[in-house]
Amino acid sequence: MAKKATKTKTKRKANPALMKPVQPDAQLSVIVGSKPLPRGQLTKKLWEYIKKNKLQDAKKRTMINADDALKVIFNGKKQVSMFEMTKLVSKHVKA
């Protein structure tokens, strides 16, 4: 009879790149603050802002509607997908 291999659960390690603080530029600091913070926290603050201001599109939830502050980050676009948003936001941070 073959024995079943027992899996030992190892705790997932956080990606060190996400833990390294990044510096938001002047336009992004209007939304997330001017202090350096890890990318994970930056994304969390960005989503808090989006939800607080009800900027997530009601019909298509993957789309983010831009207010005046976000329009600067989104290169003047009125609406972007959440995937495109990540790419556009990364242009406004310094590692």
C-alpha atoms as a PDB file:
ATOM      1  CA  MET A   1       0.000   0.000   0.000  1.00  0.00           C
ATOM      2  CA  ALA A   2       1.203   3.469  -0.884  1.00  0.00           C
ATOM      3  CA  LYS A   3       1.322   6.018   1.880  1.00  0.00           C
ATOM      4  CA  LYS A   4      -0.204   9.416   1.282  1.00  0.00           C
ATOM      5  CA  ALA A   5       2.231  12.272   1.613  1.00  0.00           C
ATOM      6  CA  THR A   6       1.100  14.679   4.289  1.00  0.00           C
ATOM      7  CA  LYS A   7       1.407  18.301   3.394  1.00  0.00           C
ATOM      8  CA  THR A   8       2.759  20.618   6.020  1.00  0.00           C
ATOM      9  CA  LYS A   9       1.229  24.037   5.754  1.00  0.00           C
ATOM     10  CA  THR A  10       3.836  26.766   5.578  1.00  0.00           C
ATOM     11  CA  LYS A  11       2.864  30.326   6.210  1.00  0.00           C
ATOM     12  CA  ARG A  12       2.987  32.420   3.059  1.00  0.00           C
ATOM     13  CA  LYS A  13       5.723  35.039   3.157  1.00  0.00           C
ATOM     14  CA  ALA A  14       4.928  38.616   2.169  1.00  0.00           C
ATOM     15  CA  ASN A  15       6.554  39.869  -0.994  1.00  0.00           C
ATOM     16  CA  PRO A  16       9.427  42.142   0.138  1.00  0.00           C
ATOM     17  CA  ALA A  17       8.813  44.452  -2.844  1.00  0.00           C
ATOM     18  CA  LEU A  18       5.322  45.208  -1.491  1.00  0.00           C
ATOM     19  CA  MET A  19       6.715  45.973   1.965  1.00  0.00           C
ATOM     20  CA  LYS A  20       9.315  48.501   0.776  1.00  0.00           C
ATOM     21  CA  PRO A  21       8.050  52.072   1.298  1.00  0.00           C
ATOM     22  CA  VAL A  22       7.455  54.172  -1.810  1.00  0.00           C
ATOM     23  CA  GLN A  23       7.121  57.953  -2.029  1.00  0.00           C
ATOM     24  CA  PRO A  24       3.922  59.264  -3.662  1.00  0.00           C
ATOM     25  CA  ASP A  25       4.369  62.362  -5.832  1.00  0.00           C
ATOM     26  CA  ALA A  26       2.476  65.628  -5.241  1.00  0.00           C
ATOM     27  CA  GLN A  27      -0.615  64.618  -7.256  1.00  0.00           C
ATOM     28  CA  LEU A  28      -0.993  61.204  -5.594  1.00  0.00           C
ATOM     29  CA  SER A  29      -0.254  62.573  -2.114  1.00  0.00           C
ATOM     30  CA  VAL A  30      -3.523  64.556  -2.319  1.00  0.00           C
ATOM     31  CA  ILE A  31      -5.299  61.187  -2.094  1.00  0.00           C
ATOM     32  CA  VAL A  32      -3.018  58.934  -0.001  1.00  0.00           C
ATOM     33  CA  GLY A  33      -0.934  61.410   2.006  1.00  0.00           C
ATOM     34  CA  SER A  34       2.627  62.635   1.506  1.00  0.00           C
ATOM     35  CA  LYS A  35       4.497  60.182   3.759  1.00  0.00           C
ATOM     36  CA  PRO A  36       6.304  57.165   2.258  1.00  0.00           C
ATOM     37  CA  LEU A  37       4.263  53.974   2.667  1.00  0.00           C
ATOM     38  CA  PRO A  38       4.394  50.359   1.417  1.00  0.00           C
ATOM     39  CA  ARG A  39       2.615  49.622  -1.879  1.00  0.00           C
ATOM     40  CA  GLY A  40       0.045  47.483  -0.084  1.00  0.00           C
ATOM     41  CA  GLN A  41      -0.917  50.372   2.195  1.00  0.00           C
ATOM     42  CA  LEU A  42      -0.925  52.795  -0.729  1.00  0.00           C
ATOM     43  CA  THR A  43      -3.381  50.558  -2.604  1.00  0.00           C
ATOM     44  CA  LYS A  44      -5.509  50.198   0.523  1.00  0.00           C
ATOM     45  CA  LYS A  45      -5.713  53.992   0.985  1.00  0.00           C
ATOM     46  CA  LEU A  46      -6.519  54.464  -2.692  1.00  0.00           C
ATOM     47  CA  TRP A  47      -9.418  51.989  -2.432  1.00  0.00           C
ATOM     48  CA  GLU A  48     -10.658  53.670   0.775  1.00  0.00           C
ATOM     49  CA  TYR A  49     -10.767  56.954  -1.156  1.00  0.00           C
ATOM     50  CA  ILE A  50     -12.590  55.336  -4.099  1.00  0.00           C
ATOM     51  CA  LYS A  51     -15.201  53.713  -1.855  1.00  0.00           C
ATOM     52  CA  LYS A  52     -15.664  56.783   0.366  1.00  0.00           C
ATOM     53  CA  ASN A  53     -16.376  58.939  -2.689  1.00  0.00           C
ATOM     54  CA  LYS A  54     -18.434  56.212  -4.448  1.00  0.00           C
ATOM     55  CA  LEU A  55     -16.186  56.244  -7.533  1.00  0.00           C
ATOM     56  CA  GLN A  56     -16.536  52.552  -8.397  1.00  0.00           C
ATOM     57  CA  ASP A  57     -18.913  52.207 -11.354  1.00  0.00           C
ATOM     58  CA  ALA A  58     -22.296  50.827 -10.218  1.00  0.00           C
ATOM     59  CA  LYS A  59     -22.936  48.696 -13.313  1.00  0.00           C
ATOM     60  CA  LYS A  60     -19.429  47.570 -14.247  1.00  0.00           C
ATOM     61  CA  ARG A  61     -17.631  47.124 -10.915  1.00  0.00           C
ATOM     62  CA  THR A  62     -14.168  46.765 -12.505  1.00  0.00           C
ATOM     63  CA  MET A  63     -14.303  50.363 -13.710  1.00  0.00           C
ATOM     64  CA  ILE A  64     -13.280  53.368 -11.610  1.00  0.00           C
ATOM     65  CA  ASN A  65     -14.821  56.785 -12.306  1.00  0.00           C
ATOM     66  CA  ALA A  66     -12.424  59.679 -11.827  1.00  0.00           C
ATOM     67  CA  ASP A  67     -13.150  62.771  -9.764  1.00  0.00           C
ATOM     68  CA  ASP A  68     -10.953  65.880 -10.117  1.00  0.00           C
ATOM     69  CA  ALA A  69      -8.166  64.456  -7.909  1.00  0.00           C
ATOM     70  CA  LEU A  70      -8.080  61.081  -9.683  1.00  0.00           C
ATOM     71  CA  LYS A  71      -8.333  62.587 -13.170  1.00  0.00           C
ATOM     72  CA  VAL A  72      -4.802  63.968 -12.683  1.00  0.00           C
ATOM     73  CA  ILE A  73      -3.553  60.459 -11.809  1.00  0.00           C
ATOM     74  CA  PHE A  74      -5.495  58.861 -14.698  1.00  0.00           C
ATOM     75  CA  ASN A  75      -3.961  61.191 -17.351  1.00  0.00           C
ATOM     76  CA  GLY A  76      -7.233  63.092 -17.783  1.00  0.00           C
ATOM     77  CA  LYS A  77      -9.381  59.999 -18.394  1.00  0.00           C
ATOM     78  CA  LYS A  78     -12.894  60.007 -16.926  1.00  0.00           C
ATOM     79  CA  GLN A  79     -12.930  56.245 -16.346  1.00  0.00           C
ATOM     80  CA  VAL A  80     -10.303  53.472 -16.154  1.00  0.00           C
ATOM     81  CA  SER A  81     -10.335  49.770 -15.292  1.00  0.00           C
ATOM     82  CA  MET A  82      -8.891  48.769 -11.933  1.00  0.00           C
ATOM     83  CA  PHE A  83      -6.025  47.032 -13.780  1.00  0.00           C
ATOM     84  CA  GLU A  84      -5.193  50.152 -15.765  1.00  0.00           C
ATOM     85  CA  MET A  85      -5.474  52.171 -12.538  1.00  0.00           C
ATOM     86  CA  THR A  86      -2.627  50.156 -10.964  1.00  0.00           C
ATOM     87  CA  LYS A  87      -0.399  50.900 -13.963  1.00  0.00           C
ATOM     88  CA  LEU A  88      -1.230  54.613 -13.915  1.00  0.00           C
ATOM     89  CA  VAL A  89      -0.714  54.936 -10.143  1.00  0.00           C
ATOM     90  CA  SER A  90       2.713  53.271 -10.337  1.00  0.00           C
ATOM     91  CA  LYS A  91       3.885  56.211 -12.487  1.00  0.00           C
ATOM     92  CA  HIS A  92       3.202  58.518  -9.523  1.00  0.00           C
ATOM     93  CA  VAL A  93       5.443  56.778  -6.968  1.00  0.00           C
ATOM     94  CA  LYS A  94       9.205  56.738  -6.427  1.00  0.00           C
ATOM     95  CA  ALA A  95      10.737  53.568  -5.023  1.00  0.00           C
END
